[in-house]
Amino acid sequence: MVRGLALTCVGLLLCLPSVRPAAHNWFSDFSTGREEFEECCGYQDCHTAKSLGYPEIRKRGDGGYNVRLGKFTLEYDFPAVHVSQDSDTWICFMGEATNHPDPLCIFLPAGMM
């Protein structure tokens, strides 16, 4: 896949380009700080706070953040806390929000950090 370009294939011979929003390509440029998931995430792992129903986000005394996602509290520690590259708050995790999500990164607007 070319950065910002994905191919949608029909059958074996016809592949059509489909463009993903360029504004969101920056997720994988950041680190989780975890050995097993060095790059933060991809399109399927990041969600705006709005799309998640504006979960409660609390800054801890150590500079990390806790995000309340349903019955789960996700803990984001540095270096997995980053400044958002747009005006949105992005919460990135593996799995589903309703079934033991595994935190990857959080992106906060500069004024929230």
N, C-alpha and C. Protein backbone atom coordinates (compact mmCIF):
# COMPACT_ATOMS: atom_id res chain seq x y z
N MET A 1 0.85 -1.17 0.00
CA MET A 1 0.00 0.00 0.00
C MET A 1 0.89 1.23 0.00
N VAL A 2 0.61 2.16 -0.89
CA VAL A 2 1.27 3.44 -0.93
C VAL A 2 0.68 4.30 0.17
N ARG A 3 1.48 5.09 0.84
CA ARG A 3 0.99 5.91 1.95
C ARG A 3 -0.22 6.71 1.51
N GLY A 4 -1.37 6.49 2.18
CA GLY A 4 -2.58 7.21 1.86
C GLY A 4 -3.38 6.61 0.73
N LEU A 5 -2.88 5.50 0.14
CA LEU A 5 -3.57 4.89 -0.98
C LEU A 5 -3.75 3.41 -0.69
N ALA A 6 -4.95 2.94 -0.82
CA ALA A 6 -5.24 1.52 -0.63
C ALA A 6 -5.82 1.00 -1.92
N LEU A 7 -5.70 -0.29 -2.16
CA LEU A 7 -6.27 -0.89 -3.35
C LEU A 7 -7.45 -1.75 -2.96
N THR A 8 -8.51 -1.61 -3.71
CA THR A 8 -9.68 -2.46 -3.53
C THR A 8 -9.70 -3.39 -4.73
N CYS A 9 -9.60 -4.67 -4.49
CA CYS A 9 -9.50 -5.64 -5.58
C CYS A 9 -10.80 -6.41 -5.74
N VAL A 10 -11.19 -6.57 -7.00
CA VAL A 10 -12.37 -7.33 -7.34
C VAL A 10 -11.90 -8.47 -8.24
N GLY A 11 -12.14 -9.68 -7.81
CA GLY A 11 -11.63 -10.82 -8.58
C GLY A 11 -10.12 -10.87 -8.49
N LEU A 12 -9.47 -11.45 -9.48
CA LEU A 12 -8.02 -11.59 -9.44
C LEU A 12 -7.29 -10.50 -10.21
N LEU A 13 -7.96 -9.85 -11.17
CA LEU A 13 -7.24 -8.95 -12.05
C LEU A 13 -7.58 -7.48 -11.92
N LEU A 14 -8.68 -7.12 -11.31
CA LEU A 14 -9.10 -5.73 -11.27
C LEU A 14 -8.90 -5.15 -9.88
N CYS A 15 -7.94 -4.23 -9.77
CA CYS A 15 -7.70 -3.54 -8.51
C CYS A 15 -7.87 -2.05 -8.74
N LEU A 16 -8.73 -1.43 -7.95
CA LEU A 16 -8.99 -0.01 -8.07
C LEU A 16 -8.45 0.73 -6.87
N PRO A 17 -7.79 1.88 -7.09
CA PRO A 17 -7.29 2.64 -5.94
C PRO A 17 -8.44 3.28 -5.18
N SER A 18 -8.32 3.27 -3.87
CA SER A 18 -9.26 4.01 -3.03
C SER A 18 -8.44 4.83 -2.06
N VAL A 19 -8.70 6.09 -1.99
CA VAL A 19 -7.88 6.99 -1.19
C VAL A 19 -8.44 7.09 0.22
N ARG A 20 -7.58 6.94 1.21
CA ARG A 20 -7.95 7.15 2.60
C ARG A 20 -7.63 8.59 2.95
N PRO A 21 -8.30 9.14 3.92
CA PRO A 21 -8.05 10.54 4.27
C PRO A 21 -6.59 10.76 4.68
N ALA A 22 -5.90 11.63 3.98
CA ALA A 22 -4.48 11.87 4.24
C ALA A 22 -4.25 12.42 5.64
N ALA A 23 -5.22 13.11 6.21
CA ALA A 23 -5.06 13.72 7.53
C ALA A 23 -4.83 12.68 8.62
N HIS A 24 -5.17 11.44 8.39
CA HIS A 24 -5.05 10.43 9.42
C HIS A 24 -3.86 9.49 9.23
N ASN A 25 -3.03 9.73 8.25
CA ASN A 25 -1.88 8.86 8.00
C ASN A 25 -0.84 8.92 9.10
N TRP A 26 -0.91 9.89 9.98
CA TRP A 26 0.14 10.12 10.96
C TRP A 26 0.12 9.16 12.14
N PHE A 27 -0.91 8.38 12.34
CA PHE A 27 -0.99 7.49 13.50
C PHE A 27 0.23 6.58 13.64
N SER A 28 0.60 5.92 12.55
CA SER A 28 1.68 4.93 12.63
C SER A 28 3.06 5.57 12.75
N ASP A 29 3.14 6.89 12.70
CA ASP A 29 4.43 7.57 12.87
C ASP A 29 4.83 7.69 14.33
N PHE A 30 3.94 7.28 15.24
CA PHE A 30 4.19 7.45 16.67
C PHE A 30 4.34 6.10 17.36
N SER A 31 5.07 6.11 18.45
CA SER A 31 5.37 4.88 19.19
C SER A 31 4.42 4.66 20.35
N THR A 32 4.18 3.40 20.65
CA THR A 32 3.42 3.04 21.85
C THR A 32 4.34 2.94 23.06
N GLY A 33 5.64 2.80 22.80
CA GLY A 33 6.59 2.58 23.88
C GLY A 33 6.62 1.13 24.33
N ARG A 34 5.87 0.28 23.62
CA ARG A 34 5.81 -1.14 23.96
C ARG A 34 6.55 -1.94 22.90
N GLU A 35 7.31 -2.89 23.35
CA GLU A 35 8.11 -3.71 22.44
C GLU A 35 7.25 -4.49 21.44
N GLU A 36 6.12 -5.03 21.91
CA GLU A 36 5.30 -5.87 21.04
C GLU A 36 4.49 -5.08 20.02
N PHE A 37 4.25 -3.80 20.26
CA PHE A 37 3.52 -2.95 19.32
C PHE A 37 4.28 -1.64 19.19
N GLU A 38 5.37 -1.65 18.47
CA GLU A 38 6.23 -0.47 18.40
C GLU A 38 5.52 0.73 17.78
N GLU A 39 4.89 0.53 16.60
CA GLU A 39 4.14 1.61 15.98
C GLU A 39 2.78 1.71 16.64
N CYS A 40 2.28 2.91 16.73
CA CYS A 40 1.03 3.10 17.46
C CYS A 40 -0.11 2.26 16.89
N CYS A 41 -0.50 2.48 15.68
CA CYS A 41 -1.70 1.81 15.23
C CYS A 41 -2.02 2.17 13.79
N GLY A 42 -3.12 1.60 13.34
CA GLY A 42 -3.61 1.88 12.01
C GLY A 42 -5.01 2.43 12.08
N TYR A 43 -5.62 2.56 10.93
CA TYR A 43 -6.96 3.14 10.83
C TYR A 43 -7.97 2.39 11.69
N GLN A 44 -7.86 1.08 11.77
CA GLN A 44 -8.85 0.28 12.49
C GLN A 44 -8.71 0.40 14.01
N ASP A 45 -7.60 0.91 14.49
CA ASP A 45 -7.34 0.96 15.93
C ASP A 45 -7.63 2.31 16.58
N CYS A 46 -7.78 3.37 15.81
CA CYS A 46 -7.95 4.71 16.36
C CYS A 46 -9.38 5.21 16.18
N HIS A 47 -9.88 5.82 17.22
CA HIS A 47 -11.27 6.29 17.24
C HIS A 47 -11.28 7.69 17.84
N THR A 48 -12.09 8.57 17.30
CA THR A 48 -12.23 9.89 17.91
C THR A 48 -13.01 9.74 19.21
N ALA A 49 -12.76 10.64 20.12
CA ALA A 49 -13.52 10.62 21.38
C ALA A 49 -15.01 10.75 21.07
N LYS A 50 -15.35 11.55 20.08
CA LYS A 50 -16.75 11.73 19.69
C LYS A 50 -17.37 10.40 19.26
N SER A 51 -16.65 9.64 18.43
CA SER A 51 -17.21 8.37 17.94
C SER A 51 -17.38 7.34 19.05
N LEU A 52 -16.68 7.53 20.16
CA LEU A 52 -16.79 6.63 21.31
C LEU A 52 -17.74 7.17 22.38
N GLY A 53 -18.47 8.22 22.04
CA GLY A 53 -19.42 8.79 23.00
C GLY A 53 -18.77 9.67 24.05
N TYR A 54 -17.64 10.27 23.73
CA TYR A 54 -16.90 11.15 24.64
C TYR A 54 -16.63 10.49 26.00
N PRO A 55 -15.76 9.47 26.00
CA PRO A 55 -15.44 8.82 27.28
C PRO A 55 -14.71 9.78 28.22
N GLU A 56 -14.79 9.47 29.50
CA GLU A 56 -14.10 10.26 30.51
C GLU A 56 -12.60 10.08 30.36
N ILE A 57 -11.88 11.20 30.27
CA ILE A 57 -10.42 11.18 30.16
C ILE A 57 -9.87 11.97 31.34
N ARG A 58 -9.02 11.32 32.13
CA ARG A 58 -8.44 11.98 33.32
C ARG A 58 -6.92 11.93 33.26
N LYS A 59 -6.32 13.08 33.52
CA LYS A 59 -4.86 13.13 33.61
C LYS A 59 -4.45 12.70 35.00
N ARG A 60 -3.47 11.82 35.07
CA ARG A 60 -2.95 11.34 36.35
C ARG A 60 -1.80 12.23 36.80
N GLY A 61 -1.44 12.11 38.05
CA GLY A 61 -0.33 12.88 38.62
C GLY A 61 1.01 12.60 37.96
N ASP A 62 1.18 11.39 37.39
CA ASP A 62 2.45 11.04 36.75
C ASP A 62 2.50 11.49 35.30
N GLY A 63 1.46 12.20 34.81
CA GLY A 63 1.44 12.69 33.44
C GLY A 63 0.76 11.77 32.45
N GLY A 64 0.44 10.55 32.87
CA GLY A 64 -0.30 9.64 32.02
C GLY A 64 -1.78 9.95 32.05
N TYR A 65 -2.55 9.21 31.29
CA TYR A 65 -3.99 9.44 31.22
C TYR A 65 -4.76 8.13 31.39
N ASN A 66 -5.89 8.23 32.05
CA ASN A 66 -6.83 7.12 32.15
C ASN A 66 -8.05 7.47 31.32
N VAL A 67 -8.52 6.52 30.54
CA VAL A 67 -9.71 6.70 29.72
C VAL A 67 -10.72 5.65 30.13
N ARG A 68 -11.89 6.11 30.53
CA ARG A 68 -12.96 5.20 30.93
C ARG A 68 -13.77 4.85 29.69
N LEU A 69 -13.70 3.61 29.28
CA LEU A 69 -14.38 3.11 28.08
C LEU A 69 -15.35 2.03 28.52
N GLY A 70 -16.59 2.41 28.72
CA GLY A 70 -17.57 1.46 29.24
C GLY A 70 -17.16 1.00 30.62
N LYS A 71 -17.03 -0.31 30.81
CA LYS A 71 -16.64 -0.84 32.12
C LYS A 71 -15.12 -0.97 32.27
N PHE A 72 -14.37 -0.53 31.27
CA PHE A 72 -12.91 -0.66 31.28
C PHE A 72 -12.24 0.69 31.46
N THR A 73 -11.10 0.69 32.15
CA THR A 73 -10.26 1.87 32.25
C THR A 73 -8.96 1.56 31.53
N LEU A 74 -8.70 2.33 30.48
CA LEU A 74 -7.46 2.16 29.72
C LEU A 74 -6.43 3.13 30.27
N GLU A 75 -5.22 2.64 30.50
CA GLU A 75 -4.15 3.48 31.03
C GLU A 75 -3.15 3.76 29.93
N TYR A 76 -2.89 5.06 29.71
CA TYR A 76 -1.93 5.48 28.69
C TYR A 76 -0.79 6.19 29.40
N ASP A 77 0.40 5.64 29.27
CA ASP A 77 1.60 6.19 29.88
C ASP A 77 2.51 6.72 28.77
N PHE A 78 3.41 7.65 29.12
CA PHE A 78 4.40 8.09 28.16
C PHE A 78 5.32 6.92 27.86
N PRO A 79 5.72 6.69 26.62
CA PRO A 79 5.62 7.57 25.47
C PRO A 79 4.41 7.33 24.59
N ALA A 80 3.35 6.75 25.07
CA ALA A 80 2.16 6.48 24.25
C ALA A 80 1.18 7.65 24.25
N VAL A 81 1.55 8.77 24.88
CA VAL A 81 0.71 9.97 24.90
C VAL A 81 1.33 10.98 23.94
N HIS A 82 0.53 11.42 22.95
CA HIS A 82 1.05 12.29 21.90
C HIS A 82 0.12 13.46 21.66
N VAL A 83 0.66 14.51 21.05
CA VAL A 83 -0.14 15.65 20.62
C VAL A 83 -0.84 15.26 19.32
N SER A 84 -2.14 15.51 19.25
CA SER A 84 -2.92 15.22 18.06
C SER A 84 -2.45 16.08 16.90
N GLN A 85 -2.46 15.51 15.72
CA GLN A 85 -2.07 16.24 14.53
C GLN A 85 -3.24 16.98 13.90
N ASP A 86 -4.40 16.86 14.50
CA ASP A 86 -5.57 17.65 14.09
C ASP A 86 -6.25 18.12 15.37
N SER A 87 -7.43 18.61 15.30
CA SER A 87 -8.07 19.17 16.50
C SER A 87 -8.85 18.13 17.30
N ASP A 88 -8.81 16.86 16.90
CA ASP A 88 -9.56 15.81 17.57
C ASP A 88 -8.74 15.10 18.64
N THR A 89 -9.45 14.53 19.61
CA THR A 89 -8.85 13.61 20.56
C THR A 89 -9.04 12.22 19.96
N TRP A 90 -7.94 11.47 19.84
CA TRP A 90 -7.96 10.12 19.27
C TRP A 90 -7.56 9.12 20.35
N ILE A 91 -8.34 8.08 20.49
CA ILE A 91 -8.07 7.03 21.46
C ILE A 91 -7.83 5.75 20.66
N CYS A 92 -6.64 5.20 20.80
CA CYS A 92 -6.26 4.04 20.00
C CYS A 92 -6.08 2.82 20.89
N PHE A 93 -6.70 1.73 20.49
CA PHE A 93 -6.61 0.49 21.25
C PHE A 93 -6.85 -0.68 20.33
N MET A 94 -6.35 -1.84 20.75
CA MET A 94 -6.60 -3.06 19.99
C MET A 94 -7.80 -3.75 20.59
N GLY A 95 -8.57 -4.41 19.75
CA GLY A 95 -9.75 -5.13 20.21
C GLY A 95 -10.97 -4.24 20.17
N GLU A 96 -12.02 -4.71 20.79
CA GLU A 96 -13.28 -3.97 20.81
C GLU A 96 -13.46 -3.27 22.16
N ALA A 97 -14.11 -2.13 22.13
CA ALA A 97 -14.31 -1.35 23.35
C ALA A 97 -15.15 -2.12 24.37
N THR A 98 -15.90 -3.09 23.92
CA THR A 98 -16.78 -3.84 24.83
C THR A 98 -16.17 -5.15 25.31
N ASN A 99 -14.94 -5.46 24.88
CA ASN A 99 -14.35 -6.75 25.22
C ASN A 99 -12.84 -6.61 25.48
N HIS A 100 -12.45 -6.13 26.63
CA HIS A 100 -11.06 -6.01 27.07
C HIS A 100 -10.17 -5.31 26.05
N PRO A 101 -10.41 -4.03 25.78
CA PRO A 101 -9.54 -3.30 24.87
C PRO A 101 -8.13 -3.18 25.43
N ASP A 102 -7.14 -3.22 24.56
CA ASP A 102 -5.73 -3.13 24.92
C ASP A 102 -5.21 -1.77 24.45
N PRO A 103 -4.86 -0.85 25.38
CA PRO A 103 -4.46 0.50 24.98
C PRO A 103 -3.19 0.51 24.14
N LEU A 104 -3.18 1.38 23.12
CA LEU A 104 -2.00 1.57 22.29
C LEU A 104 -1.47 3.00 22.47
N CYS A 105 -2.22 4.00 21.99
CA CYS A 105 -1.81 5.40 22.08
C CYS A 105 -3.03 6.28 22.31
N ILE A 106 -2.75 7.47 22.79
CA ILE A 106 -3.78 8.49 22.87
C ILE A 106 -3.19 9.76 22.28
N PHE A 107 -3.99 10.46 21.49
CA PHE A 107 -3.58 11.71 20.86
C PHE A 107 -4.52 12.80 21.35
N LEU A 108 -3.95 13.81 22.00
CA LEU A 108 -4.74 14.89 22.58
C LEU A 108 -4.39 16.21 21.94
N PRO A 109 -5.38 17.09 21.75
CA PRO A 109 -5.05 18.43 21.26
C PRO A 109 -4.05 19.10 22.21
N ALA A 110 -3.20 19.95 21.67
CA ALA A 110 -2.12 20.56 22.46
C ALA A 110 -2.64 21.22 23.74
N GLY A 111 -3.80 21.84 23.71
CA GLY A 111 -4.34 22.51 24.88
C GLY A 111 -4.79 21.59 25.99
N MET A 112 -4.94 20.30 25.70
CA MET A 112 -5.37 19.34 26.72
C MET A 112 -4.21 18.69 27.45
N MET A 113 -3.01 18.80 26.92
CA MET A 113 -1.88 18.09 27.50
C MET A 113 -1.27 18.81 28.67
